C-alpha atoms as a PDB file:
ATOM      1  CA  MET A   1      12.046 -48.152  -2.928  1.00  0.00           C
ATOM      2  CA  LYS A   2      10.936 -49.645   0.405  1.00  0.00           C
ATOM      3  CA  THR A   3      14.185 -48.489   2.001  1.00  0.00           C
ATOM      4  CA  SER A   4      13.688 -44.931   0.691  1.00  0.00           C
ATOM      5  CA  ARG A   5      10.122 -44.813   1.977  1.00  0.00           C
ATOM      6  CA  LEU A   6      11.228 -46.116   5.363  1.00  0.00           C
ATOM      7  CA  ALA A   7      13.978 -43.487   5.562  1.00  0.00           C
ATOM      8  CA  LEU A   8      11.489 -40.751   4.629  1.00  0.00           C
ATOM      9  CA  CYS A   9       9.027 -41.924   7.287  1.00  0.00           C
ATOM     10  CA  LEU A  10      11.766 -41.992   9.915  1.00  0.00           C
ATOM     11  CA  LEU A  11      12.883 -38.485   8.923  1.00  0.00           C
ATOM     12  CA  MET A  12       9.345 -37.097   9.128  1.00  0.00           C
ATOM     13  CA  THR A  13       8.830 -38.768  12.496  1.00  0.00           C
ATOM     14  CA  SER A  14      12.080 -37.279  13.781  1.00  0.00           C
ATOM     15  CA  VAL A  15      11.154 -33.773  12.582  1.00  0.00           C
ATOM     16  CA  ALA A  16       7.707 -34.022  14.162  1.00  0.00           C
ATOM     17  CA  ALA A  17       9.193 -35.242  17.427  1.00  0.00           C
ATOM     18  CA  HIS A  18      11.663 -32.356  17.591  1.00  0.00           C
ATOM     19  CA  ALA A  19       9.293 -29.655  16.329  1.00  0.00           C
ATOM     20  CA  SER A  20       8.473 -27.148  19.035  1.00  0.00           C
ATOM     21  CA  PRO A  21       5.214 -25.290  18.339  1.00  0.00           C
ATOM     22  CA  TRP A  22       4.830 -21.767  19.674  1.00  0.00           C
ATOM     23  CA  PRO A  23       3.298 -21.888  23.164  1.00  0.00           C
ATOM     24  CA  ARG A  24      -0.103 -20.294  23.653  1.00  0.00           C
ATOM     25  CA  VAL A  25      -0.782 -17.847  26.480  1.00  0.00           C
ATOM     26  CA  ASN A  26      -4.481 -17.017  26.771  1.00  0.00           C
ATOM     27  CA  PRO A  27      -5.413 -13.328  27.263  1.00  0.00           C
ATOM     28  CA  PRO A  28      -8.052 -12.115  29.743  1.00  0.00           C
ATOM     29  CA  PRO A  29     -11.580 -12.778  28.412  1.00  0.00           C
ATOM     30  CA  ASP A  30     -12.452  -9.067  28.022  1.00  0.00           C
ATOM     31  CA  ALA A  31      -9.122  -8.053  26.461  1.00  0.00           C
ATOM     32  CA  ARG A  32      -8.367  -6.590  23.048  1.00  0.00           C
ATOM     33  CA  VAL A  33      -5.375  -8.319  21.447  1.00  0.00           C
ATOM     34  CA  GLU A  34      -3.221  -6.640  18.806  1.00  0.00           C
ATOM     35  CA  THR A  35      -0.599  -8.785  17.085  1.00  0.00           C
ATOM     36  CA  ILE A  36       2.641  -6.911  16.417  1.00  0.00           C
ATOM     37  CA  GLY A  37       3.720  -7.966  12.929  1.00  0.00           C
ATOM     38  CA  GLU A  38       3.235 -11.341  11.268  1.00  0.00           C
ATOM     39  CA  GLN A  39       6.906 -12.313  11.583  1.00  0.00           C
ATOM     40  CA  ILE A  40       9.368 -10.645  13.948  1.00  0.00           C
ATOM     41  CA  ARG A  41      13.068 -11.134  14.573  1.00  0.00           C
ATOM     42  CA  LEU A  42      14.941  -9.318  17.325  1.00  0.00           C
ATOM     43  CA  ASN A  43      18.717  -9.609  16.889  1.00  0.00           C
ATOM     44  CA  GLY A  44      18.031 -12.568  14.614  1.00  0.00           C
ATOM     45  CA  ILE A  45      15.794 -14.350  17.130  1.00  0.00           C
ATOM     46  CA  PRO A  46      12.306 -15.302  15.841  1.00  0.00           C
ATOM     47  CA  MET A  47       9.624 -13.883  18.111  1.00  0.00           C
ATOM     48  CA  HIS A  48       5.876 -13.635  18.473  1.00  0.00           C
ATOM     49  CA  MET A  49       4.681 -10.382  20.029  1.00  0.00           C
ATOM     50  CA  ALA A  50       1.273  -9.014  20.967  1.00  0.00           C
ATOM     51  CA  ARG A  51      -0.154  -6.034  22.830  1.00  0.00           C
ATOM     52  CA  ILE A  52      -3.105  -6.827  25.118  1.00  0.00           C
ATOM     53  CA  ARG A  53      -5.358  -4.136  26.601  1.00  0.00           C
ATOM     54  CA  ALA A  54      -8.155  -4.652  29.131  1.00  0.00           C
ATOM     55  CA  ARG A  55     -10.374  -2.590  31.432  1.00  0.00           C
ATOM     56  CA  SER A  56      -9.377  -4.680  34.434  1.00  0.00           C
ATOM     57  CA  ALA A  57      -6.976  -3.333  37.055  1.00  0.00           C
ATOM     58  CA  THR A  58      -3.267  -4.013  36.703  1.00  0.00           C
ATOM     59  CA  ALA A  59      -3.368  -6.376  39.699  1.00  0.00           C
ATOM     60  CA  GLU A  60      -6.135  -8.410  38.028  1.00  0.00           C
ATOM     61  CA  MET A  61      -4.173  -8.677  34.779  1.00  0.00           C
ATOM     62  CA  LEU A  62      -1.095  -9.712  36.744  1.00  0.00           C
ATOM     63  CA  ASP A  63      -3.089 -12.450  38.515  1.00  0.00           C
ATOM     64  CA  HIS A  64      -4.521 -13.610  35.182  1.00  0.00           C
ATOM     65  CA  TYR A  65      -1.114 -14.062  33.552  1.00  0.00           C
ATOM     66  CA  ARG A  66       0.357 -15.721  36.624  1.00  0.00           C
ATOM     67  CA  GLU A  67      -2.396 -18.323  36.346  1.00  0.00           C
ATOM     68  CA  ALA A  68      -2.186 -18.530  32.540  1.00  0.00           C
ATOM     69  CA  LEU A  69       1.562 -19.165  32.633  1.00  0.00           C
ATOM     70  CA  GLY A  70       1.458 -21.604  35.530  1.00  0.00           C
ATOM     71  CA  LYS A  71       4.421 -22.494  37.704  1.00  0.00           C
ATOM     72  CA  PRO A  72       7.298 -21.889  37.819  1.00  0.00           C
ATOM     73  CA  VAL A  73       7.166 -18.218  36.794  1.00  0.00           C
ATOM     74  CA  ALA A  74       9.529 -15.387  37.747  1.00  0.00           C
ATOM     75  CA  HIS A  75       8.117 -11.997  38.775  1.00  0.00           C
ATOM     76  CA  ALA A  76       9.982  -8.703  38.894  1.00  0.00           C
ATOM     77  CA  GLN A  77       8.821  -5.112  39.225  1.00  0.00           C
ATOM     78  CA  VAL A  78      10.589  -2.169  37.584  1.00  0.00           C
ATOM     79  CA  ALA A  79       8.989   1.132  38.643  1.00  0.00           C
ATOM     80  CA  ASP A  80       5.284   0.699  37.755  1.00  0.00           C
ATOM     81  CA  THR A  81       5.828  -2.220  35.354  1.00  0.00           C
ATOM     82  CA  HIS A  82       5.410  -5.860  36.391  1.00  0.00           C
ATOM     83  CA  VAL A  83       7.428  -8.400  34.395  1.00  0.00           C
ATOM     84  CA  LEU A  84       6.601 -12.118  34.355  1.00  0.00           C
ATOM     85  CA  SER A  85       9.004 -14.529  32.651  1.00  0.00           C
ATOM     86  CA  GLN A  86       9.039 -18.254  32.059  1.00  0.00           C
ATOM     87  CA  ARG A  87      11.102 -20.814  30.159  1.00  0.00           C
ATOM     88  CA  ARG A  88       8.805 -23.297  28.410  1.00  0.00           C
ATOM     89  CA  GLY A  89      10.558 -25.944  26.354  1.00  0.00           C
ATOM     90  CA  ASN A  90      12.563 -24.190  23.630  1.00  0.00           C
ATOM     91  CA  HIS A  91      10.773 -20.873  24.184  1.00  0.00           C
ATOM     92  CA  PHE A  92      11.163 -17.976  26.602  1.00  0.00           C
ATOM     93  CA  ILE A  93       7.992 -16.050  27.482  1.00  0.00           C
ATOM     94  CA  THR A  94       7.916 -12.507  28.862  1.00  0.00           C
ATOM     95  CA  VAL A  95       4.826 -10.523  29.870  1.00  0.00           C
ATOM     96  CA  SER A  96       5.254  -6.850  30.829  1.00  0.00           C
ATOM     97  CA  ILE A  97       2.197  -5.310  32.514  1.00  0.00           C
ATOM     98  CA  ASN A  98       1.487  -1.680  33.331  1.00  0.00           C
ATOM     99  CA  ALA A  99      -1.349   0.851  33.564  1.00  0.00           C
ATOM    100  CA  THR A 100      -2.031   3.232  30.664  1.00  0.00           C
ATOM    101  CA  ASP A 101      -2.833   6.936  30.798  1.00  0.00           C
ATOM    102  CA  ASP A 102      -6.438   6.257  29.759  1.00  0.00           C
ATOM    103  CA  GLY A 103      -7.107   4.007  32.746  1.00  0.00           C
ATOM    104  CA  LEU A 104      -6.635   0.633  31.066  1.00  0.00           C
ATOM    105  CA  SER A 105      -4.201  -2.175  31.812  1.00  0.00           C
ATOM    106  CA  GLU A 106      -1.770  -3.133  29.076  1.00  0.00           C
ATOM    107  CA  ALA A 107       0.415  -6.195  28.659  1.00  0.00           C
ATOM    108  CA  LEU A 108       3.182  -6.705  26.126  1.00  0.00           C
ATOM    109  CA  LEU A 109       3.577 -10.420  25.453  1.00  0.00           C
ATOM    110  CA  SER A 110       6.743 -11.663  23.756  1.00  0.00           C
ATOM    111  CA  ILE A 111       7.717 -15.261  23.023  1.00  0.00           C
ATOM    112  CA  ALA A 112      11.256 -15.957  21.817  1.00  0.00           C
ATOM    113  CA  ASP A 113      12.485 -19.111  20.086  1.00  0.00           C
ATOM    114  CA  MET A 114      15.601 -19.935  22.120  1.00  0.00           C
ATOM    115  CA  GLN A 115      16.671 -22.830  19.896  1.00  0.00           C
ATOM    116  CA  ALA A 116      16.772 -20.472  16.908  1.00  0.00           C
ATOM    117  CA  ALA A 117      18.554 -17.891  19.086  1.00  0.00           C
ATOM    118  CA  ARG A 118      21.573 -20.167  19.389  1.00  0.00           C
ATOM    119  CA  GLN A 119      21.677 -20.537  15.607  1.00  0.00           C
ATOM    120  CA  ALA A 120      21.366 -16.746  15.131  1.00  0.00           C
ATOM    121  CA  ALA A 121      24.287 -15.869  17.401  1.00  0.00           C
ATOM    122  CA  ASP A 122      26.831 -15.497  14.578  1.00  0.00           C
ATOM    123  CA  ARG A 123      24.523 -14.650  11.693  1.00  0.00           C
ATOM    124  CA  PRO A 124      25.732 -12.025   9.187  1.00  0.00           C
ATOM    125  CA  LEU A 125      24.028  -8.642   9.455  1.00  0.00           C
ATOM    126  CA  ALA A 126      23.641  -8.308   5.651  1.00  0.00           C
ATOM    127  CA  PHE A 127      24.041  -4.536   5.954  1.00  0.00           C
ATOM    128  CA  ARG A 128      27.254  -2.532   5.584  1.00  0.00           C
ATOM    129  CA  LEU A 129      27.956  -0.480   8.719  1.00  0.00           C
ATOM    130  CA  PRO A 130      30.743   1.994   9.482  1.00  0.00           C
ATOM    131  CA  ALA A 131      33.879   0.228  10.739  1.00  0.00           C
ATOM    132  CA  GLY A 132      33.927  -0.471  14.461  1.00  0.00           C
ATOM    133  CA  SER A 133      30.156  -0.128  14.882  1.00  0.00           C
ATOM    134  CA  GLU A 134      28.448  -1.985  17.709  1.00  0.00           C
ATOM    135  CA  THR A 135      24.931  -3.197  16.926  1.00  0.00           C
ATOM    136  CA  LEU A 136      22.765  -2.469  19.963  1.00  0.00           C
ATOM    137  CA  SER A 137      19.493  -3.708  18.482  1.00  0.00           C
ATOM    138  CA  ASP A 138      18.248  -5.221  15.218  1.00  0.00           C
ATOM    139  CA  LEU A 139      14.467  -5.538  14.949  1.00  0.00           C
ATOM    140  CA  GLU A 140      12.914  -7.014  11.789  1.00  0.00           C
ATOM    141  CA  SER A 141       9.228  -7.535  11.057  1.00  0.00           C
ATOM    142  CA  VAL A 142       6.999  -8.594   8.178  1.00  0.00           C
ATOM    143  CA  ASP A 143       3.418  -7.377   7.935  1.00  0.00           C
ATOM    144  CA  GLY A 144       1.647  -8.261   4.695  1.00  0.00           C
ATOM    145  CA  PRO A 145       3.489  -6.772   1.708  1.00  0.00           C
ATOM    146  CA  ILE A 146       5.764  -4.597   3.886  1.00  0.00           C
ATOM    147  CA  SER A 147       8.981  -5.612   5.613  1.00  0.00           C
ATOM    148  CA  ALA A 148      10.389  -3.278   8.252  1.00  0.00           C
ATOM    149  CA  ARG A 149      13.717  -3.137  10.016  1.00  0.00           C
ATOM    150  CA  GLN A 150      15.154  -0.919  12.724  1.00  0.00           C
ATOM    151  CA  LEU A 151      18.884  -0.952  13.410  1.00  0.00           C
ATOM    152  CA  VAL A 152      20.359   0.809  16.440  1.00  0.00           C
ATOM    153  CA  LEU A 153      24.137   1.099  16.430  1.00  0.00           C
ATOM    154  CA  GLU A 154      26.928   3.067  18.041  1.00  0.00           C
ATOM    155  CA  ASN A 155      30.448   4.006  16.979  1.00  0.00           C
ATOM    156  CA  ALA A 156      33.135   6.655  17.412  1.00  0.00           C
ATOM    157  CA  HIS A 157      32.795   8.210  13.937  1.00  0.00           C
ATOM    158  CA  THR A 158      31.488  11.726  13.381  1.00  0.00           C
ATOM    159  CA  LEU A 159      27.904  12.464  12.412  1.00  0.00           C
ATOM    160  CA  ARG A 160      28.972  13.313   8.866  1.00  0.00           C
ATOM    161  CA  THR A 161      30.993  10.092   8.430  1.00  0.00           C
ATOM    162  CA  ASN A 162      28.037   8.010   9.614  1.00  0.00           C
ATOM    163  CA  LEU A 163      25.701   9.849   7.264  1.00  0.00           C
ATOM    164  CA  GLU A 164      27.988   9.291   4.270  1.00  0.00           C
ATOM    165  CA  GLN A 165      28.661   5.607   4.936  1.00  0.00           C
ATOM    166  CA  LEU A 166      25.097   4.645   5.846  1.00  0.00           C
ATOM    167  CA  SER A 167      23.809   6.579   2.820  1.00  0.00           C
ATOM    168  CA  ARG A 168      25.987   4.353   0.623  1.00  0.00           C
ATOM    169  CA  SER A 169      24.525   1.246   2.273  1.00  0.00           C
ATOM    170  CA  LEU A 170      21.010   2.536   1.615  1.00  0.00           C
ATOM    171  CA  ALA A 171      21.929   3.324  -1.991  1.00  0.00           C
ATOM    172  CA  ASP A 172      22.691  -0.400  -2.392  1.00  0.00           C
ATOM    173  CA  ARG A 173      18.968  -0.905  -1.709  1.00  0.00           C
ATOM    174  CA  GLY A 174      17.878   1.777  -4.160  1.00  0.00           C
ATOM    175  CA  LEU A 175      17.186   4.423  -1.492  1.00  0.00           C
ATOM    176  CA  THR A 176      18.423   7.986  -1.991  1.00  0.00           C
ATOM    177  CA  PRO A 177      18.118  11.115   0.196  1.00  0.00           C
ATOM    178  CA  ASP A 178      14.793  12.970   0.027  1.00  0.00           C
ATOM    179  CA  GLY A 179      16.707  16.232  -0.058  1.00  0.00           C
ATOM    180  CA  PRO A 180      18.631  18.186   2.576  1.00  0.00           C
ATOM    181  CA  PRO A 181      18.579  16.737   6.116  1.00  0.00           C
ATOM    182  CA  LEU A 182      15.433  17.436   8.128  1.00  0.00           C
ATOM    183  CA  THR A 183      17.719  18.331  11.042  1.00  0.00           C
ATOM    184  CA  ASP A 184      21.388  19.268  10.759  1.00  0.00           C
ATOM    185  CA  VAL A 185      22.999  20.671  13.912  1.00  0.00           C
ATOM    186  CA  ASP A 186      26.237  20.039  15.795  1.00  0.00           C
ATOM    187  CA  THR A 187      24.762  17.220  17.893  1.00  0.00           C
ATOM    188  CA  ALA A 188      22.212  15.597  15.561  1.00  0.00           C
ATOM    189  CA  ILE A 189      21.329  14.852  11.946  1.00  0.00           C
ATOM    190  CA  VAL A 190      18.002  13.479  10.693  1.00  0.00           C
ATOM    191  CA  GLN A 191      17.822  12.396   7.047  1.00  0.00           C
ATOM    192  CA  GLY A 192      14.970  10.853   5.077  1.00  0.00           C
ATOM    193  CA  PHE A 193      15.432   8.478   2.123  1.00  0.00           C
ATOM    194  CA  HIS A 194      13.112   7.096  -0.518  1.00  0.00           C
ATOM    195  CA  GLY A 195      13.160   4.824  -3.540  1.00  0.00           C
ATOM    196  CA  PRO A 196      10.874   2.821  -5.814  1.00  0.00           C
ATOM    197  CA  PHE A 197      10.597  -0.002  -3.279  1.00  0.00           C
ATOM    198  CA  GLY A 198      10.447   1.779   0.060  1.00  0.00           C
ATOM    199  CA  GLU A 199      11.652   4.476   2.408  1.00  0.00           C
ATOM    200  CA  ALA A 200      14.002   5.001   5.339  1.00  0.00           C
ATOM    201  CA  ARG A 201      14.820   7.489   8.063  1.00  0.00           C
ATOM    202  CA  LEU A 202      18.218   7.884   9.697  1.00  0.00           C
ATOM    203  CA  VAL A 203      18.598   9.629  13.067  1.00  0.00           C
ATOM    204  CA  LEU A 204      22.155  10.370  14.221  1.00  0.00           C
ATOM    205  CA  VAL A 205      22.952  11.770  17.674  1.00  0.00           C
ATOM    206  CA  ARG A 206      26.412  12.739  18.928  1.00  0.00           C
ATOM    207  CA  HIS A 207      27.101  12.534  22.676  1.00  0.00           C
ATOM    208  CA  ASP A 208      30.216  12.096  24.827  1.00  0.00           C
ATOM    209  CA  GLY A 209      32.513  11.300  21.911  1.00  0.00           C
ATOM    210  CA  SER A 210      30.325   8.658  20.281  1.00  0.00           C
ATOM    211  CA  THR A 211      27.538   8.606  17.709  1.00  0.00           C
ATOM    212  CA  ARG A 212      24.343   6.605  18.056  1.00  0.00           C
ATOM    213  CA  ALA A 213      22.402   5.845  14.887  1.00  0.00           C
ATOM    214  CA  VAL A 214      18.798   4.701  14.591  1.00  0.00           C
ATOM    215  CA  LEU A 215      17.995   3.532  11.064  1.00  0.00           C
ATOM    216  CA  THR A 216      14.393   2.616  10.237  1.00  0.00           C
ATOM    217  CA  LEU A 217      13.509   1.014   6.889  1.00  0.00           C
ATOM    218  CA  ARG A 218      10.162   0.108   5.330  1.00  0.00           C
ATOM    219  CA  LEU A 219      10.450  -1.878   2.109  1.00  0.00           C
ATOM    220  CA  LYS A 220       7.961  -3.487  -0.251  1.00  0.00           C
ATOM    221  CA  ARG A 221       8.405  -7.236  -0.448  1.00  0.00           C
ATOM    222  CA  SER A 222       9.039  -8.646  -3.902  1.00  0.00           C
END
Protein backbone atom coordinates (compact mmCIF):
# COMPACT_ATOMS: atom_id res chain seq x y z
CA MET A 1 0.00 0.00 0.00
CA LYS A 2 2.81 2.41 0.94
CA THR A 3 4.58 1.61 -2.33
CA SER A 4 1.40 2.31 -4.34
CA ARG A 5 0.85 5.62 -2.57
CA LEU A 6 4.46 6.61 -3.15
CA ALA A 7 4.19 5.75 -6.85
CA LEU A 8 0.97 7.78 -7.13
CA CYS A 9 2.57 10.78 -5.42
CA LEU A 10 5.58 10.59 -7.73
CA LEU A 11 3.30 10.37 -10.78
CA MET A 12 1.25 13.39 -9.70
CA THR A 13 4.42 15.35 -9.00
CA SER A 14 5.78 14.47 -12.44
CA VAL A 15 2.54 15.51 -14.18
CA ALA A 16 2.46 18.81 -12.28
CA ALA A 17 6.09 19.49 -13.12
CA HIS A 18 5.53 18.89 -16.83
CA ALA A 19 2.14 20.60 -17.07
CA SER A 20 2.32 23.76 -19.14
CA PRO A 21 -0.53 26.17 -18.34
CA TRP A 22 -1.74 28.49 -21.08
CA PRO A 23 0.22 31.75 -20.95
CA ARG A 24 -1.68 34.93 -20.18
CA VAL A 25 -1.32 38.05 -22.31
CA ASN A 26 -3.05 41.05 -20.74
CA PRO A 27 -5.18 43.26 -23.05
CA PRO A 28 -5.14 47.07 -22.97
CA PRO A 29 -7.11 48.40 -19.97
CA ASP A 30 -9.86 50.00 -22.10
CA ALA A 31 -10.25 47.06 -24.50
CA ARG A 32 -13.24 44.83 -25.18
CA VAL A 33 -12.21 41.16 -25.31
CA GLU A 34 -14.22 38.55 -27.21
CA THR A 35 -13.19 34.92 -26.77
CA ILE A 36 -13.46 32.91 -29.99
CA GLY A 37 -14.93 29.56 -28.96
CA GLU A 38 -14.38 27.67 -25.72
CA GLN A 39 -12.15 25.04 -27.33
CA ILE A 40 -10.43 25.45 -30.69
CA ARG A 41 -8.24 23.16 -32.76
CA LEU A 42 -6.56 24.28 -35.97
CA ASN A 43 -5.21 21.32 -37.96
CA GLY A 44 -5.42 19.31 -34.75
CA ILE A 45 -3.48 21.87 -32.69
CA PRO A 46 -5.24 23.09 -29.51
CA MET A 47 -5.49 26.87 -29.50
CA HIS A 48 -6.85 29.75 -27.48
CA MET A 49 -8.07 32.68 -29.58
CA ALA A 50 -9.53 36.08 -28.75
CA ARG A 51 -10.46 39.27 -30.58
CA ILE A 52 -9.53 42.49 -28.76
CA ARG A 53 -10.90 45.90 -29.77
CA ALA A 54 -9.90 49.28 -28.32
CA ARG A 55 -10.30 52.98 -29.09
CA SER A 56 -6.56 53.53 -28.91
CA ALA A 57 -4.50 54.04 -32.07
CA THR A 58 -2.89 51.05 -33.74
CA ALA A 59 0.57 52.26 -32.69
CA GLU A 60 -0.56 52.38 -29.04
CA MET A 61 -1.96 48.85 -29.21
CA LEU A 62 1.26 47.66 -30.83
CA ASP A 63 3.31 49.24 -28.02
CA HIS A 64 1.02 47.67 -25.42
CA TYR A 65 1.45 44.14 -26.76
CA ARG A 66 5.19 44.56 -27.21
CA GLU A 67 5.39 45.38 -23.51
CA ALA A 68 2.86 42.70 -22.50
CA LEU A 69 4.78 39.99 -24.35
CA GLY A 70 8.21 41.10 -23.21
CA LYS A 71 11.46 40.19 -24.93
CA PRO A 72 12.33 38.50 -27.17
CA VAL A 73 9.44 39.17 -29.57
CA ALA A 74 9.44 39.13 -33.38
CA HIS A 75 7.67 41.91 -35.31
CA ALA A 76 6.61 41.83 -38.94
CA GLN A 77 4.33 44.05 -40.99
CA VAL A 78 2.17 42.78 -43.85
CA ALA A 79 0.40 45.68 -45.61
CA ASP A 80 -1.45 47.49 -42.78
CA THR A 81 -1.29 44.57 -40.32
CA HIS A 82 1.37 44.30 -37.61
CA VAL A 83 2.20 40.77 -36.44
CA LEU A 84 3.97 40.04 -33.15
CA SER A 85 5.08 36.48 -32.38
CA GLN A 86 6.80 34.82 -29.47
CA ARG A 87 7.72 31.31 -28.34
CA ARG A 88 6.98 30.91 -24.63
CA GLY A 89 7.71 27.48 -23.20
CA ASN A 90 5.54 24.94 -25.04
CA HIS A 91 3.33 27.65 -26.56
CA PHE A 92 3.56 29.93 -29.58
CA ILE A 93 1.84 33.32 -29.30
CA THR A 94 0.77 35.46 -32.25
CA VAL A 95 -0.87 38.90 -32.09
CA SER A 96 -2.11 40.47 -35.35
CA ILE A 97 -2.99 44.17 -35.05
CA ASN A 98 -4.77 46.41 -37.54
CA ALA A 99 -7.17 49.36 -37.74
CA THR A 100 -10.89 48.76 -38.36
CA ASP A 101 -13.23 50.65 -40.66
CA ASP A 102 -15.01 52.21 -37.68
CA GLY A 103 -11.85 53.83 -36.36
CA LEU A 104 -10.93 51.28 -33.69
CA SER A 105 -7.83 49.15 -33.28
CA GLU A 106 -8.28 45.39 -33.36
CA ALA A 107 -5.96 42.59 -32.31
CA LEU A 108 -6.39 38.89 -32.97
CA LEU A 109 -4.59 36.93 -30.27
CA SER A 110 -3.84 33.25 -30.85
CA ILE A 111 -1.92 30.89 -28.57
CA ALA A 112 -0.99 27.45 -29.91
CA ASP A 113 0.06 24.43 -27.87
CA MET A 114 3.22 23.33 -29.69
CA GLN A 115 3.71 20.18 -27.61
CA ALA A 116 0.25 18.98 -28.67
CA ALA A 117 1.04 20.05 -32.25
CA ARG A 118 3.76 17.41 -32.48
CA GLN A 119 1.30 14.77 -31.29
CA ALA A 120 -1.34 15.95 -33.81
CA ALA A 121 0.94 15.72 -36.84
CA ASP A 122 -0.29 12.29 -37.95
CA ARG A 123 -3.76 12.28 -36.43
CA PRO A 124 -6.58 10.73 -38.48
CA LEU A 125 -9.00 13.21 -40.03
CA ALA A 126 -12.08 11.13 -39.06
CA PHE A 127 -13.86 12.33 -42.20
CA ARG A 128 -14.01 10.57 -45.57
CA LEU A 129 -12.65 12.81 -48.34
CA PRO A 130 -12.42 12.24 -52.10
CA ALA A 131 -9.27 10.31 -53.03
CA GLY A 132 -6.18 12.45 -53.49
CA SER A 133 -7.56 15.42 -51.54
CA GLU A 134 -5.14 17.78 -49.84
CA THR A 135 -6.40 19.27 -46.57
CA LEU A 136 -5.50 22.96 -46.57
CA SER A 137 -7.14 23.82 -43.25
CA ASP A 138 -9.11 22.05 -40.52
CA LEU A 139 -10.62 24.35 -37.89
CA GLU A 140 -12.66 22.86 -35.02
CA SER A 141 -14.34 24.73 -32.18
CA VAL A 142 -16.69 24.03 -29.29
CA ASP A 143 -18.97 26.74 -27.93
CA GLY A 144 -21.49 25.55 -25.35
CA PRO A 145 -23.76 22.87 -26.83
CA ILE A 146 -22.54 23.46 -30.41
CA SER A 147 -19.45 22.03 -32.07
CA ALA A 148 -18.34 23.57 -35.35
CA ARG A 149 -15.83 22.48 -37.95
CA GLN A 150 -14.59 24.00 -41.19
CA LEU A 151 -12.60 21.89 -43.63
CA VAL A 152 -10.85 23.44 -46.63
CA LEU A 153 -9.53 20.95 -49.16
CA GLU A 154 -8.40 20.75 -52.76
CA ASN A 155 -8.31 17.98 -55.35
CA ALA A 156 -8.45 17.32 -59.08
CA HIS A 157 -11.97 15.83 -59.14
CA THR A 158 -14.90 17.55 -60.82
CA LEU A 159 -17.44 19.62 -58.92
CA ARG A 160 -20.05 16.89 -59.30
CA THR A 161 -17.72 14.13 -58.02
CA ASN A 162 -16.84 16.21 -54.96
CA LEU A 163 -20.51 16.91 -54.29
CA GLU A 164 -21.43 13.23 -54.51
CA GLN A 165 -18.58 11.95 -52.35
CA LEU A 166 -18.78 14.65 -49.67
CA SER A 167 -22.57 14.22 -49.55
CA ARG A 168 -22.01 10.56 -48.66
CA SER A 169 -19.63 11.57 -45.87
CA LEU A 170 -22.23 13.99 -44.50
CA ALA A 171 -24.91 11.29 -44.73
CA ASP A 172 -22.76 9.25 -42.31
CA ARG A 173 -23.45 12.07 -39.83
CA GLY A 174 -27.18 12.13 -40.53
CA LEU A 175 -27.05 15.23 -42.76
CA THR A 176 -28.96 15.27 -46.05
CA PRO A 177 -29.31 17.95 -48.77
CA ASP A 178 -31.81 20.74 -48.07
CA GLY A 179 -32.98 20.49 -51.65
CA PRO A 180 -31.45 21.54 -54.97
CA PRO A 181 -28.09 23.37 -54.77
CA LEU A 182 -28.29 27.06 -53.88
CA THR A 183 -25.81 27.68 -56.70
CA ASP A 184 -25.10 25.31 -59.58
CA VAL A 185 -23.00 26.73 -62.42
CA ASP A 186 -20.01 25.52 -64.42
CA THR A 187 -17.47 26.93 -61.95
CA ALA A 188 -19.22 26.61 -58.58
CA ILE A 189 -21.74 24.62 -56.55
CA VAL A 190 -23.17 25.62 -53.16
CA GLN A 191 -25.24 23.02 -51.30
CA GLY A 192 -26.90 23.17 -47.89
CA PHE A 193 -27.47 20.14 -45.64
CA HIS A 194 -29.50 19.55 -42.51
CA GLY A 195 -30.35 16.79 -40.07
CA PRO A 196 -31.73 16.20 -36.58
CA PHE A 197 -28.41 17.08 -34.96
CA GLY A 198 -27.09 19.94 -37.05
CA GLU A 199 -26.47 21.55 -40.41
CA ALA A 200 -23.74 22.02 -43.00
CA ARG A 201 -22.89 24.07 -46.06
CA LEU A 202 -20.60 22.93 -48.86
CA VAL A 203 -19.03 25.45 -51.26
CA LEU A 204 -17.21 24.01 -54.30
CA VAL A 205 -15.22 26.18 -56.72
CA ARG A 206 -13.51 24.95 -59.89
CA HIS A 207 -10.43 26.84 -61.12
CA ASP A 208 -7.40 25.95 -63.26
CA GLY A 209 -8.13 22.23 -63.33
CA SER A 210 -8.65 21.77 -59.59
CA THR A 211 -11.57 21.99 -57.18
CA ARG A 212 -11.44 23.72 -53.82
CA ALA A 213 -14.05 22.74 -51.24
CA VAL A 214 -15.03 24.63 -48.10
CA LEU A 215 -17.21 22.50 -45.83
CA THR A 216 -18.70 24.11 -42.72
CA LEU A 217 -20.54 22.01 -40.12
CA ARG A 218 -22.46 22.98 -36.99
CA LEU A 219 -23.52 20.03 -34.85
CA LYS A 220 -25.28 19.66 -31.52
CA ARG A 221 -23.10 17.95 -28.94
CA SER A 222 -24.52 14.81 -27.39
